[in-house]
Amino acid sequence: MVNDIKQEMERIWAETCDSWENCTEENIQSFLAQCLEKSIDPQYCMSWVEQHSNQIPNWSAISKVSLDWVNEHTSTGSPINGLEPK
């Protein structure tokens, strides 16, 4: 299950950003939006991207855009697990 999520996230990354060097403020938002559409927690996706931050040009600006996006699109920045409340 976790490997499936990671593989799907990596597939989305390849489609939106292509490589660490090509990661921009625009395509990181597209990456996060597509993760959310596939019910993959954007915070999980961002922590994966952060592991490679030293390979991403302009990381500080991209990190800020990403954090703002996650806070705006998830309830109070908390993880979304895709489960309906009981």
C-alpha atoms as a PDB file:
ATOM      1  CA  MET A   1       0.000   0.000   0.000  1.00  0.00           C
ATOM      2  CA  VAL A   2       2.674   2.529   1.021  1.00  0.00           C
ATOM      3  CA  ASN A   3       4.780   1.560  -2.020  1.00  0.00           C
ATOM      4  CA  ASP A   4       1.742   2.068  -4.279  1.00  0.00           C
ATOM      5  CA  ILE A   5       1.256   5.565  -2.852  1.00  0.00           C
ATOM      6  CA  LYS A   6       4.937   6.373  -3.281  1.00  0.00           C
ATOM      7  CA  GLN A   7       4.939   5.081  -6.866  1.00  0.00           C
ATOM      8  CA  GLU A   8       1.857   7.144  -7.724  1.00  0.00           C
ATOM      9  CA  MET A   9       3.421  10.220  -6.113  1.00  0.00           C
ATOM     10  CA  GLU A  10       6.637   9.681  -8.113  1.00  0.00           C
ATOM     11  CA  ARG A  11       4.583   9.297 -11.313  1.00  0.00           C
ATOM     12  CA  ILE A  12       2.822  12.606 -10.604  1.00  0.00           C
ATOM     13  CA  TRP A  13       6.200  14.217  -9.894  1.00  0.00           C
ATOM     14  CA  ALA A  14       7.560  12.993 -13.239  1.00  0.00           C
ATOM     15  CA  GLU A  15       4.543  14.462 -15.057  1.00  0.00           C
ATOM     16  CA  THR A  16       4.465  17.820 -13.274  1.00  0.00           C
ATOM     17  CA  CYS A  17       8.044  18.691 -12.343  1.00  0.00           C
ATOM     18  CA  ASP A  18      10.062  16.131 -14.323  1.00  0.00           C
ATOM     19  CA  SER A  19      13.213  16.584 -12.226  1.00  0.00           C
ATOM     20  CA  TRP A  20      14.433  18.271  -9.049  1.00  0.00           C
ATOM     21  CA  GLU A  21      16.188  20.938 -11.120  1.00  0.00           C
ATOM     22  CA  ASN A  22      12.956  21.768 -12.984  1.00  0.00           C
ATOM     23  CA  CYS A  23      10.890  22.210  -9.841  1.00  0.00           C
ATOM     24  CA  THR A  24       9.342  25.700  -9.818  1.00  0.00           C
ATOM     25  CA  GLU A  25       6.828  27.594  -7.714  1.00  0.00           C
ATOM     26  CA  GLU A  26       4.199  26.888 -10.375  1.00  0.00           C
ATOM     27  CA  ASN A  27       4.710  23.181 -10.970  1.00  0.00           C
ATOM     28  CA  ILE A  28       5.080  22.328  -7.271  1.00  0.00           C
ATOM     29  CA  GLN A  29       1.526  23.583  -6.808  1.00  0.00           C
ATOM     30  CA  SER A  30       0.366  21.423  -9.709  1.00  0.00           C
ATOM     31  CA  PHE A  31       2.165  18.455  -8.138  1.00  0.00           C
ATOM     32  CA  LEU A  32       0.451  19.019  -4.783  1.00  0.00           C
ATOM     33  CA  ALA A  33      -2.957  19.521  -6.416  1.00  0.00           C
ATOM     34  CA  GLN A  34      -2.660  16.281  -8.361  1.00  0.00           C
ATOM     35  CA  CYS A  35      -1.551  14.414  -5.233  1.00  0.00           C
ATOM     36  CA  LEU A  36      -4.611  15.742  -3.413  1.00  0.00           C
ATOM     37  CA  GLU A  37      -6.857  14.679  -6.337  1.00  0.00           C
ATOM     38  CA  LYS A  38      -5.442  11.146  -6.022  1.00  0.00           C
ATOM     39  CA  SER A  39      -6.087  11.180  -2.242  1.00  0.00           C
ATOM     40  CA  ILE A  40      -2.384  11.308  -1.410  1.00  0.00           C
ATOM     41  CA  ASP A  41      -1.705  13.555   1.582  1.00  0.00           C
ATOM     42  CA  PRO A  42       0.024  16.710   0.265  1.00  0.00           C
ATOM     43  CA  GLN A  43       2.009  16.962   3.504  1.00  0.00           C
ATOM     44  CA  TYR A  44       3.414  13.476   2.858  1.00  0.00           C
ATOM     45  CA  CYS A  45       4.301  14.592  -0.680  1.00  0.00           C
ATOM     46  CA  MET A  46       5.995  17.735   0.591  1.00  0.00           C
ATOM     47  CA  SER A  47       8.058  15.850   3.153  1.00  0.00           C
ATOM     48  CA  TRP A  48       9.250  13.586   0.314  1.00  0.00           C
ATOM     49  CA  VAL A  49      10.163  16.620  -1.822  1.00  0.00           C
ATOM     50  CA  GLU A  50      11.945  18.261   1.138  1.00  0.00           C
ATOM     51  CA  GLN A  51      14.281  15.273   1.356  1.00  0.00           C
ATOM     52  CA  HIS A  52      15.665  16.469  -1.998  1.00  0.00           C
ATOM     53  CA  SER A  53      15.621  20.207  -1.250  1.00  0.00           C
ATOM     54  CA  ASN A  54      19.385  20.515  -1.742  1.00  0.00           C
ATOM     55  CA  GLN A  55      18.856  19.555  -5.417  1.00  0.00           C
ATOM     56  CA  ILE A  56      16.070  22.101  -5.993  1.00  0.00           C
ATOM     57  CA  PRO A  57      17.058  25.615  -7.109  1.00  0.00           C
ATOM     58  CA  ASN A  58      15.309  28.429  -5.219  1.00  0.00           C
ATOM     59  CA  TRP A  59      14.136  25.992  -2.544  1.00  0.00           C
ATOM     60  CA  SER A  60      13.263  28.693   0.001  1.00  0.00           C
ATOM     61  CA  ALA A  61      10.688  30.290  -2.330  1.00  0.00           C
ATOM     62  CA  ILE A  62       9.314  26.915  -3.430  1.00  0.00           C
ATOM     63  CA  SER A  63       9.093  25.759   0.171  1.00  0.00           C
ATOM     64  CA  LYS A  64       7.086  28.851   1.137  1.00  0.00           C
ATOM     65  CA  VAL A  65       4.694  28.459  -1.827  1.00  0.00           C
ATOM     66  CA  SER A  66       4.254  24.781  -0.933  1.00  0.00           C
ATOM     67  CA  LEU A  67       3.569  25.474   2.727  1.00  0.00           C
ATOM     68  CA  ASP A  68       1.037  28.167   1.838  1.00  0.00           C
ATOM     69  CA  TRP A  69      -0.645  25.795  -0.631  1.00  0.00           C
ATOM     70  CA  VAL A  70      -0.867  22.958   1.914  1.00  0.00           C
ATOM     71  CA  ASN A  71      -2.289  25.286   4.567  1.00  0.00           C
ATOM     72  CA  GLU A  72      -4.845  26.635   2.115  1.00  0.00           C
ATOM     73  CA  HIS A  73      -5.973  23.271   0.709  1.00  0.00           C
ATOM     74  CA  THR A  74      -5.983  21.025   3.767  1.00  0.00           C
ATOM     75  CA  SER A  75      -8.049  21.650   6.854  1.00  0.00           C
ATOM     76  CA  THR A  76      -5.778  23.716   9.100  1.00  0.00           C
ATOM     77  CA  GLY A  77      -2.769  22.039   7.540  1.00  0.00           C
ATOM     78  CA  SER A  78      -3.720  18.662   8.975  1.00  0.00           C
ATOM     79  CA  PRO A  79      -3.342  15.460   6.961  1.00  0.00           C
ATOM     80  CA  ILE A  80      -6.230  14.240   4.856  1.00  0.00           C
ATOM     81  CA  ASN A  81      -6.609  10.493   4.808  1.00  0.00           C
ATOM     82  CA  GLY A  82      -9.492  10.283   2.345  1.00  0.00           C
ATOM     83  CA  LEU A  83     -11.785   8.605   4.855  1.00  0.00           C
ATOM     84  CA  GLU A  84     -15.263   9.915   5.452  1.00  0.00           C
ATOM     85  CA  PRO A  85     -16.021  10.817   9.077  1.00  0.00           C
ATOM     86  CA  LYS A  86     -18.149   8.236  10.852  1.00  0.00           C
END
